[in-house]
């Protein structure tokens, strides 16, 4: 899973679940203790429920997400990646 947070408040979450890649777009807000991503509705479907991340050692940790979409397992912490146009974070792979 990759999370990209844009300086303009845009957010992109991409994951390959083994059933194909899924990408969702939305917006993020940093409340100081959490980063919350609110997704845009697409193609007449309701918006995906928001995801929330808390700062961890050197990245972000998902703390709330839609388990039906992203799975029930607690994802590993995301580590900060390169910064070009957006600040990039990504999940490490589960063993």
PDB file of N, CA and C in Angstrom:
ATOM      1  N   UNK A   1       0.858  -1.172   0.000  1.00  0.00           N
ATOM      2  CA  UNK A   1       0.000   0.000   0.000  1.00  0.00           C
ATOM      3  C   UNK A   1       0.897   1.227   0.000  1.00  0.00           C
ATOM      4  N   UNK A   2       0.540   2.198  -0.822  1.00  0.00           N
ATOM      5  CA  UNK A   2       1.245   3.472  -0.877  1.00  0.00           C
ATOM      6  C   UNK A   2       0.287   4.590  -0.523  1.00  0.00           C
ATOM      7  N   UNK A   3       0.771   5.559   0.201  1.00  0.00           N
ATOM      8  CA  UNK A   3       0.017   6.752   0.548  1.00  0.00           C
ATOM      9  C   UNK A   3       0.827   7.951   0.125  1.00  0.00           C
ATOM     10  N   UNK A   4       0.227   8.813  -0.673  1.00  0.00           N
ATOM     11  CA  UNK A   4       0.889  10.018  -1.120  1.00  0.00           C
ATOM     12  C   UNK A   4       0.081  11.214  -0.632  1.00  0.00           C
ATOM     13  N   UNK A   5       0.756  12.108   0.103  1.00  0.00           N
ATOM     14  CA  UNK A   5       0.103  13.290   0.661  1.00  0.00           C
ATOM     15  C   UNK A   5       0.653  14.527  -0.027  1.00  0.00           C
ATOM     16  N   UNK A   6      -0.199  15.248  -0.726  1.00  0.00           N
ATOM     17  CA  UNK A   6       0.236  16.430  -1.450  1.00  0.00           C
ATOM     18  C   UNK A   6       0.218  17.671  -0.576  1.00  0.00           C
ATOM     19  N   UNK A   7       1.091  18.627  -0.857  1.00  0.00           N
ATOM     20  CA  UNK A   7       1.128  19.870  -0.077  1.00  0.00           C
ATOM     21  C   UNK A   7      -0.158  20.681  -0.226  1.00  0.00           C
ATOM     22  N   UNK A   8      -0.946  20.390  -1.257  1.00  0.00           N
ATOM     23  CA  UNK A   8      -2.215  21.091  -1.469  1.00  0.00           C
ATOM     24  C   UNK A   8      -3.376  20.420  -0.748  1.00  0.00           C
ATOM     25  N   UNK A   9      -3.102  19.367   0.040  1.00  0.00           N
ATOM     26  CA  UNK A   9      -4.144  18.652   0.768  1.00  0.00           C
ATOM     27  C   UNK A   9      -4.700  17.457   0.019  1.00  0.00           C
ATOM     28  N   UNK A  10      -4.192  17.185  -1.184  1.00  0.00           N
ATOM     29  CA  UNK A  10      -4.651  16.016  -1.938  1.00  0.00           C
ATOM     30  C   UNK A  10      -3.994  14.752  -1.382  1.00  0.00           C
ATOM     31  N   UNK A  11      -4.691  13.634  -1.547  1.00  0.00           N
ATOM     32  CA  UNK A  11      -4.168  12.350  -1.069  1.00  0.00           C
ATOM     33  C   UNK A  11      -4.492  11.271  -2.089  1.00  0.00           C
ATOM     34  N   UNK A  12      -3.570  10.317  -2.221  1.00  0.00           N
ATOM     35  CA  UNK A  12      -3.769   9.156  -3.084  1.00  0.00           C
ATOM     36  C   UNK A  12      -3.352   7.922  -2.299  1.00  0.00           C
ATOM     37  N   UNK A  13      -4.224   6.920  -2.277  1.00  0.00           N
ATOM     38  CA  UNK A  13      -3.910   5.648  -1.635  1.00  0.00           C
ATOM     39  C   UNK A  13      -4.007   4.576  -2.716  1.00  0.00           C
ATOM     40  N   UNK A  14      -2.933   3.791  -2.872  1.00  0.00           N
ATOM     41  CA  UNK A  14      -2.887   2.729  -3.863  1.00  0.00           C
ATOM     42  C   UNK A  14      -2.468   1.435  -3.177  1.00  0.00           C
ATOM     43  N   UNK A  15      -3.151   0.343  -3.538  1.00  0.00           N
ATOM     44  CA  UNK A  15      -2.777  -0.957  -2.988  1.00  0.00           C
ATOM     45  C   UNK A  15      -3.002  -2.023  -4.045  1.00  0.00           C
ATOM     46  N   UNK A  16      -2.106  -2.992  -4.059  1.00  0.00           N
ATOM     47  CA  UNK A  16      -2.285  -4.187  -4.873  1.00  0.00           C
ATOM     48  C   UNK A  16      -2.597  -5.315  -3.913  1.00  0.00           C
ATOM     49  N   UNK A  17      -3.850  -5.722  -3.867  1.00  0.00           N
ATOM     50  CA  UNK A  17      -4.302  -6.750  -2.932  1.00  0.00           C
ATOM     51  C   UNK A  17      -4.118  -8.156  -3.477  1.00  0.00           C
ATOM     52  N   UNK A  18      -3.527  -8.265  -4.659  1.00  0.00           N
ATOM     53  CA  UNK A  18      -3.413  -9.563  -5.305  1.00  0.00           C
ATOM     54  C   UNK A  18      -4.564  -9.806  -6.261  1.00  0.00           C
ATOM     55  N   UNK A  19      -5.569  -8.949  -6.212  1.00  0.00           N
ATOM     56  CA  UNK A  19      -6.729  -9.027  -7.103  1.00  0.00           C
ATOM     57  C   UNK A  19      -6.727  -7.830  -8.048  1.00  0.00           C
ATOM     58  N   UNK A  20      -5.576  -7.213  -8.212  1.00  0.00           N
ATOM     59  CA  UNK A  20      -5.482  -6.014  -9.033  1.00  0.00           C
ATOM     60  C   UNK A  20      -5.209  -4.793  -8.174  1.00  0.00           C
ATOM     61  N   UNK A  21      -4.723  -3.771  -8.812  1.00  0.00           N
ATOM     62  CA  UNK A  21      -4.383  -2.546  -8.092  1.00  0.00           C
ATOM     63  C   UNK A  21      -5.612  -1.669  -7.954  1.00  0.00           C
ATOM     64  N   UNK A  22      -5.783  -1.101  -6.781  1.00  0.00           N
ATOM     65  CA  UNK A  22      -6.885  -0.185  -6.506  1.00  0.00           C
ATOM     66  C   UNK A  22      -6.293   1.140  -6.064  1.00  0.00           C
ATOM     67  N   UNK A  23      -6.786   2.222  -6.645  1.00  0.00           N
ATOM     68  CA  UNK A  23      -6.320   3.560  -6.288  1.00  0.00           C
ATOM     69  C   UNK A  23      -7.516   4.422  -5.911  1.00  0.00           C
ATOM     70  N   UNK A  24      -7.415   5.075  -4.758  1.00  0.00           N
ATOM     71  CA  UNK A  24      -8.453   5.998  -4.292  1.00  0.00           C
ATOM     72  C   UNK A  24      -7.849   7.383  -4.127  1.00  0.00           C
ATOM     73  N   UNK A  25      -8.655   8.389  -4.432  1.00  0.00           N
ATOM     74  CA  UNK A  25      -8.218   9.781  -4.322  1.00  0.00           C
ATOM     75  C   UNK A  25      -9.049  10.488  -3.269  1.00  0.00           C
ATOM     76  N   UNK A  26      -8.449  11.465  -2.621  1.00  0.00           N
ATOM     77  CA  UNK A  26      -9.172  12.220  -1.611  1.00  0.00           C
ATOM     78  C   UNK A  26      -8.353  13.390  -1.122  1.00  0.00           C
ATOM     79  N   UNK A  27      -8.585  13.735   0.140  1.00  0.00           N
ATOM     80  CA  UNK A  27      -7.914  14.871   0.763  1.00  0.00           C
ATOM     81  C   UNK A  27      -7.499  14.480   2.172  1.00  0.00           C
ATOM     82  N   UNK A  28      -6.440  15.120   2.669  1.00  0.00           N
ATOM     83  CA  UNK A  28      -5.940  14.798   3.992  1.00  0.00           C
ATOM     84  C   UNK A  28      -5.901  16.041   4.862  1.00  0.00           C
ATOM     85  N   UNK A  29      -6.010  15.801   6.172  1.00  0.00           N
ATOM     86  CA  UNK A  29      -5.927  16.854   7.180  1.00  0.00           C
ATOM     87  C   UNK A  29      -5.061  16.328   8.312  1.00  0.00           C
ATOM     88  N   UNK A  30      -4.146  17.165   8.783  1.00  0.00           N
ATOM     89  CA  UNK A  30      -3.284  16.820   9.927  1.00  0.00           C
ATOM     90  C   UNK A  30      -3.815  17.547  11.143  1.00  0.00           C
ATOM     91  N   UNK A  31      -4.329  16.792  12.123  1.00  0.00           N
ATOM     92  CA  UNK A  31      -4.875  17.400  13.339  1.00  0.00           C
ATOM     93  C   UNK A  31      -3.816  17.546  14.424  1.00  0.00           C
ATOM     94  N   UNK A  32      -2.583  17.173  14.121  1.00  0.00           N
ATOM     95  CA  UNK A  32      -1.508  17.224  15.109  1.00  0.00           C
ATOM     96  C   UNK A  32      -1.212  15.854  15.678  1.00  0.00           C
ATOM     97  N   UNK A  33      -2.257  15.106  16.013  1.00  0.00           N
ATOM     98  CA  UNK A  33      -2.052  13.763  16.550  1.00  0.00           C
ATOM     99  C   UNK A  33      -2.412  12.684  15.529  1.00  0.00           C
ATOM    100  N   UNK A  34      -3.116  13.069  14.452  1.00  0.00           N
ATOM    101  CA  UNK A  34      -3.513  12.122  13.421  1.00  0.00           C
ATOM    102  C   UNK A  34      -3.553  12.801  12.063  1.00  0.00           C
ATOM    103  N   UNK A  35      -3.333  12.003  11.040  1.00  0.00           N
ATOM    104  CA  UNK A  35      -3.584  12.421   9.662  1.00  0.00           C
ATOM    105  C   UNK A  35      -4.794  11.629   9.207  1.00  0.00           C
ATOM    106  N   UNK A  36      -5.847  12.334   8.792  1.00  0.00           N
ATOM    107  CA  UNK A  36      -7.058  11.681   8.325  1.00  0.00           C
ATOM    108  C   UNK A  36      -7.209  11.906   6.829  1.00  0.00           C
ATOM    109  N   UNK A  37      -7.436  10.814   6.097  1.00  0.00           N
ATOM    110  CA  UNK A  37      -7.666  10.874   4.657  1.00  0.00           C
ATOM    111  C   UNK A  37      -9.144  10.615   4.413  1.00  0.00           C
ATOM    112  N   UNK A  38      -9.809  11.581   3.778  1.00  0.00           N
ATOM    113  CA  UNK A  38     -11.215  11.471   3.394  1.00  0.00           C
ATOM    114  C   UNK A  38     -11.263  11.261   1.893  1.00  0.00           C
ATOM    115  N   UNK A  39     -11.926  10.200   1.450  1.00  0.00           N
ATOM    116  CA  UNK A  39     -11.918   9.824   0.042  1.00  0.00           C
ATOM    117  C   UNK A  39     -13.051  10.478  -0.733  1.00  0.00           C
ATOM    118  N   UNK A  40     -12.802  10.702  -2.023  1.00  0.00           N
ATOM    119  CA  UNK A  40     -13.812  11.230  -2.937  1.00  0.00           C
ATOM    120  C   UNK A  40     -14.711  10.082  -3.403  1.00  0.00           C
ATOM    121  N   UNK A  41     -15.983  10.379  -3.630  1.00  0.00           N
ATOM    122  CA  UNK A  41     -16.898   9.407  -4.227  1.00  0.00           C
ATOM    123  C   UNK A  41     -16.544   9.263  -5.710  1.00  0.00           C
ATOM    124  N   UNK A  42     -16.756   8.069  -6.259  1.00  0.00           N
ATOM    125  CA  UNK A  42     -16.452   7.845  -7.672  1.00  0.00           C
ATOM    126  C   UNK A  42     -17.587   7.105  -8.358  1.00  0.00           C
ATOM    127  N   UNK A  43     -17.829   7.457  -9.591  1.00  0.00           N
ATOM    128  CA  UNK A  43     -18.763   6.752 -10.474  1.00  0.00           C
ATOM    129  C   UNK A  43     -20.102   6.440  -9.815  1.00  0.00           C
ATOM    130  N   UNK A  44     -20.661   7.400  -9.117  1.00  0.00           N
ATOM    131  CA  UNK A  44     -21.960   7.208  -8.499  1.00  0.00           C
ATOM    132  C   UNK A  44     -21.974   6.320  -7.279  1.00  0.00           C
ATOM    133  N   UNK A  45     -20.801   5.873  -6.833  1.00  0.00           N
ATOM    134  CA  UNK A  45     -20.703   5.036  -5.638  1.00  0.00           C
ATOM    135  C   UNK A  45     -20.439   5.939  -4.435  1.00  0.00           C
ATOM    136  N   UNK A  46     -20.860   5.514  -3.252  1.00  0.00           N
ATOM    137  CA  UNK A  46     -20.545   6.322  -2.070  1.00  0.00           C
ATOM    138  C   UNK A  46     -19.047   6.340  -1.804  1.00  0.00           C
ATOM    139  N   UNK A  47     -18.611   7.366  -1.140  1.00  0.00           N
ATOM    140  CA  UNK A  47     -17.187   7.491  -0.810  1.00  0.00           C
ATOM    141  C   UNK A  47     -16.781   6.396   0.165  1.00  0.00           C
ATOM    142  N   UNK A  48     -15.550   5.935   0.017  1.00  0.00           N
ATOM    143  CA  UNK A  48     -14.950   4.986   0.946  1.00  0.00           C
ATOM    144  C   UNK A  48     -14.831   5.675   2.315  1.00  0.00           C
ATOM    145  N   UNK A  49     -15.059   4.952   3.432  1.00  0.00           N
ATOM    146  CA  UNK A  49     -14.884   5.568   4.748  1.00  0.00           C
ATOM    147  C   UNK A  49     -13.457   6.100   4.924  1.00  0.00           C
ATOM    148  N   UNK A  50     -13.284   7.141   5.730  1.00  0.00           N
ATOM    149  CA  UNK A  50     -11.953   7.722   5.937  1.00  0.00           C
ATOM    150  C   UNK A  50     -10.976   6.741   6.574  1.00  0.00           C
ATOM    151  N   UNK A  51      -9.684   7.004   6.338  1.00  0.00           N
ATOM    152  CA  UNK A  51      -8.595   6.280   7.000  1.00  0.00           C
ATOM    153  C   UNK A  51      -7.890   7.280   7.909  1.00  0.00           C
ATOM    154  N   UNK A  52      -7.411   6.800   9.048  1.00  0.00           N
ATOM    155  CA  UNK A  52      -6.655   7.662   9.960  1.00  0.00           C
ATOM    156  C   UNK A  52      -5.303   7.022  10.238  1.00  0.00           C
ATOM    157  N   UNK A  53      -4.287   7.873  10.333  1.00  0.00           N
ATOM    158  CA  UNK A  53      -2.907   7.450  10.570  1.00  0.00           C
ATOM    159  C   UNK A  53      -2.354   8.267  11.730  1.00  0.00           C
ATOM    160  N   UNK A  54      -1.555   7.615  12.568  1.00  0.00           N
ATOM    161  CA  UNK A  54      -0.865   8.308  13.653  1.00  0.00           C
ATOM    162  C   UNK A  54       0.628   8.242  13.405  1.00  0.00           C
ATOM    163  N   UNK A  55       1.344   9.290  13.841  1.00  0.00           N
ATOM    164  CA  UNK A  55       2.807   9.244  13.696  1.00  0.00           C
ATOM    165  C   UNK A  55       3.374   8.065  14.469  1.00  0.00           C
ATOM    166  N   UNK A  56       4.353   7.402  13.870  1.00  0.00           N
ATOM    167  CA  UNK A  56       5.086   6.332  14.551  1.00  0.00           C
ATOM    168  C   UNK A  56       6.560   6.714  14.503  1.00  0.00           C
ATOM    169  N   UNK A  57       7.438   5.821  14.836  1.00  0.00           N
ATOM    170  CA  UNK A  57       8.867   6.125  14.976  1.00  0.00           C
ATOM    171  C   UNK A  57       9.416   7.015  13.879  1.00  0.00           C
ATOM    172  N   UNK A  58       9.321   6.585  12.632  1.00  0.00           N
ATOM    173  CA  UNK A  58       9.842   7.413  11.543  1.00  0.00           C
ATOM    174  C   UNK A  58       8.890   7.415  10.358  1.00  0.00           C
ATOM    175  N   UNK A  59       7.594   7.364  10.644  1.00  0.00           N
ATOM    176  CA  UNK A  59       6.604   7.351   9.577  1.00  0.00           C
ATOM    177  C   UNK A  59       5.203   7.471  10.128  1.00  0.00           C
ATOM    178  N   UNK A  60       4.275   6.737   9.527  1.00  0.00           N
ATOM    179  CA  UNK A  60       2.875   6.765   9.930  1.00  0.00           C
ATOM    180  C   UNK A  60       2.363   5.344  10.123  1.00  0.00           C
ATOM    181  N   UNK A  61       1.396   5.185  11.032  1.00  0.00           N
ATOM    182  CA  UNK A  61       0.763   3.896  11.304  1.00  0.00           C
ATOM    183  C   UNK A  61      -0.734   4.046  11.091  1.00  0.00           C
ATOM    184  N   UNK A  62      -1.326   3.195  10.242  1.00  0.00           N
ATOM    185  CA  UNK A  62      -2.775   3.205  10.058  1.00  0.00           C
ATOM    186  C   UNK A  62      -3.442   2.768  11.360  1.00  0.00           C
ATOM    187  N   UNK A  63      -4.460   3.526  11.796  1.00  0.00           N
ATOM    188  CA  UNK A  63      -5.168   3.178  13.028  1.00  0.00           C
ATOM    189  C   UNK A  63      -6.652   2.924  12.781  1.00  0.00           C
ATOM    190  N   UNK A  64      -7.225   3.504  11.729  1.00  0.00           N
ATOM    191  CA  UNK A  64      -8.594   3.178  11.341  1.00  0.00           C
ATOM    192  C   UNK A  64      -8.665   3.096   9.824  1.00  0.00           C
ATOM    193  N   UNK A  65      -9.403   2.086   9.351  1.00  0.00           N
ATOM    194  CA  UNK A  65      -9.582   1.885   7.919  1.00  0.00           C
ATOM    195  C   UNK A  65     -10.776   0.955   7.711  1.00  0.00           C
ATOM    196  N   UNK A  66     -11.271   0.879   6.486  1.00  0.00           N
ATOM    197  CA  UNK A  66     -12.363   0.000   6.139  1.00  0.00           C
ATOM    198  C   UNK A  66     -11.805  -1.413   5.959  1.00  0.00           C
ATOM    199  N   UNK A  67     -12.084  -2.273   6.904  1.00  0.00           N
ATOM    200  CA  UNK A  67     -11.523  -3.630   6.887  1.00  0.00           C
ATOM    201  C   UNK A  67     -12.018  -4.438   5.695  1.00  0.00           C
ATOM    202  N   UNK A  68     -13.233  -4.154   5.208  1.00  0.00           N
ATOM    203  CA  UNK A  68     -13.751  -4.877   4.047  1.00  0.00           C
ATOM    204  C   UNK A  68     -12.930  -4.560   2.794  1.00  0.00           C
ATOM    205  N   UNK A  69     -12.416  -3.352   2.710  1.00  0.00           N
ATOM    206  CA  UNK A  69     -11.643  -2.943   1.543  1.00  0.00           C
ATOM    207  C   UNK A  69     -10.169  -3.264   1.694  1.00  0.00           C
ATOM    208  N   UNK A  70      -9.579  -2.926   2.831  1.00  0.00           N
ATOM    209  CA  UNK A  70      -8.127  -2.975   3.000  1.00  0.00           C
ATOM    210  C   UNK A  70      -7.647  -4.173   3.813  1.00  0.00           C
ATOM    211  N   UNK A  71      -8.561  -4.985   4.332  1.00  0.00           N
ATOM    212  CA  UNK A  71      -8.155  -6.150   5.108  1.00  0.00           C
ATOM    213  C   UNK A  71      -8.223  -5.891   6.605  1.00  0.00           C
ATOM    214  N   UNK A  72      -8.242  -6.968   7.367  1.00  0.00           N
ATOM    215  CA  UNK A  72      -8.394  -6.864   8.817  1.00  0.00           C
ATOM    216  C   UNK A  72      -7.070  -6.786   9.553  1.00  0.00           C
ATOM    217  N   UNK A  73      -5.992  -7.248   8.919  1.00  0.00           N
ATOM    218  CA  UNK A  73      -4.694  -7.259   9.595  1.00  0.00           C
ATOM    219  C   UNK A  73      -4.178  -5.837   9.788  1.00  0.00           C
ATOM    220  N   UNK A  74      -3.602  -5.603  10.951  1.00  0.00           N
ATOM    221  CA  UNK A  74      -3.003  -4.302  11.240  1.00  0.00           C
ATOM    222  C   UNK A  74      -1.792  -4.119  10.332  1.00  0.00           C
ATOM    223  N   UNK A  75      -1.819  -3.141   9.443  1.00  0.00           N
ATOM    224  CA  UNK A  75      -0.690  -2.981   8.524  1.00  0.00           C
ATOM    225  C   UNK A  75       0.566  -2.535   9.255  1.00  0.00           C
ATOM    226  N   UNK A  76       1.721  -2.907   8.728  1.00  0.00           N
ATOM    227  CA  UNK A  76       2.970  -2.442   9.341  1.00  0.00           C
ATOM    228  C   UNK A  76       3.105  -0.934   9.177  1.00  0.00           C
ATOM    229  N   UNK A  77       3.936  -0.289   9.978  1.00  0.00           N
ATOM    230  CA  UNK A  77       4.121   1.160   9.864  1.00  0.00           C
ATOM    231  C   UNK A  77       4.632   1.546   8.476  1.00  0.00           C
ATOM    232  N   UNK A  78       4.192   2.709   8.017  1.00  0.00           N
ATOM    233  CA  UNK A  78       4.676   3.231   6.750  1.00  0.00           C
ATOM    234  C   UNK A  78       5.935   4.047   7.012  1.00  0.00           C
ATOM    235  N   UNK A  79       6.872   3.916   6.129  1.00  0.00           N
ATOM    236  CA  UNK A  79       8.124   4.660   6.230  1.00  0.00           C
ATOM    237  C   UNK A  79       8.112   5.787   5.222  1.00  0.00           C
ATOM    238  N   UNK A  80       8.723   6.884   5.571  1.00  0.00           N
ATOM    239  CA  UNK A  80       8.762   8.027   4.669  1.00  0.00           C
ATOM    240  C   UNK A  80       9.695   7.727   3.505  1.00  0.00           C
ATOM    241  N   UNK A  81       9.229   8.066   2.316  1.00  0.00           N
ATOM    242  CA  UNK A  81      10.021   7.857   1.109  1.00  0.00           C
ATOM    243  C   UNK A  81      10.512   9.182   0.556  1.00  0.00           C
ATOM    244  N   UNK A  82      10.867   9.187  -0.704  1.00  0.00           N
ATOM    245  CA  UNK A  82      11.384  10.375  -1.360  1.00  0.00           C
ATOM    246  C   UNK A  82      10.348  11.469  -1.462  1.00  0.00           C
ATOM    247  N   UNK A  83      10.798  12.685  -1.540  1.00  0.00           N
ATOM    248  CA  UNK A  83       9.894  13.822  -1.682  1.00  0.00           C
ATOM    249  C   UNK A  83      10.197  14.532  -2.994  1.00  0.00           C
ATOM    250  N   UNK A  84       9.264  14.432  -3.921  1.00  0.00           N
ATOM    251  CA  UNK A  84       9.389  15.174  -5.170  1.00  0.00           C
ATOM    252  C   UNK A  84       8.305  16.237  -5.123  1.00  0.00           C
ATOM    253  N   UNK A  85       7.190  15.990  -5.791  1.00  0.00           N
ATOM    254  CA  UNK A  85       6.085  16.936  -5.727  1.00  0.00           C
ATOM    255  C   UNK A  85       5.282  16.711  -4.455  1.00  0.00           C
ATOM    256  N   UNK A  86       5.144  15.460  -4.067  1.00  0.00           N
ATOM    257  CA  UNK A  86       4.368  15.115  -2.883  1.00  0.00           C
ATOM    258  C   UNK A  86       5.287  14.448  -1.862  1.00  0.00           C
ATOM    259  N   UNK A  87       4.829  14.425  -0.625  1.00  0.00           N
ATOM    260  CA  UNK A  87       5.517  13.655   0.402  1.00  0.00           C
ATOM    261  C   UNK A  87       5.005  12.231   0.287  1.00  0.00           C
ATOM    262  N   UNK A  88       5.894  11.258   0.120  1.00  0.00           N
ATOM    263  CA  UNK A  88       5.472   9.871  -0.069  1.00  0.00           C
ATOM    264  C   UNK A  88       5.703   9.057   1.196  1.00  0.00           C
ATOM    265  N   UNK A  89       4.748   8.196   1.495  1.00  0.00           N
ATOM    266  CA  UNK A  89       4.873   7.218   2.565  1.00  0.00           C
ATOM    267  C   UNK A  89       4.489   5.876   1.959  1.00  0.00           C
ATOM    268  N   UNK A  90       4.984   4.797   2.513  1.00  0.00           N
ATOM    269  CA  UNK A  90       4.557   3.490   2.012  1.00  0.00           C
ATOM    270  C   UNK A  90       4.598   2.483   3.138  1.00  0.00           C
ATOM    271  N   UNK A  91       3.786   1.444   2.998  1.00  0.00           N
ATOM    272  CA  UNK A  91       3.790   0.355   3.972  1.00  0.00           C
ATOM    273  C   UNK A  91       4.942  -0.577   3.663  1.00  0.00           C
ATOM    274  N   UNK A  92       5.588  -1.063   4.683  1.00  0.00           N
ATOM    275  CA  UNK A  92       6.538  -2.155   4.495  1.00  0.00           C
ATOM    276  C   UNK A  92       5.728  -3.406   4.207  1.00  0.00           C
ATOM    277  N   UNK A  93       6.326  -4.399   3.630  1.00  0.00           N
ATOM    278  CA  UNK A  93       5.626  -5.617   3.275  1.00  0.00           C
ATOM    279  C   UNK A  93       5.435  -6.500   4.504  1.00  0.00           C
ATOM    280  N   UNK A  94       4.267  -7.132   4.592  1.00  0.00           N
ATOM    281  CA  UNK A  94       4.048  -8.129   5.645  1.00  0.00           C
ATOM    282  C   UNK A  94       4.933  -9.332   5.365  1.00  0.00           C
ATOM    283  N   UNK A  95       5.494  -9.946   6.393  1.00  0.00           N
ATOM    284  CA  UNK A  95       6.352 -11.123   6.170  1.00  0.00           C
ATOM    285  C   UNK A  95       5.571 -12.291   5.616  1.00  0.00           C
TER     286      UNK A  95
END
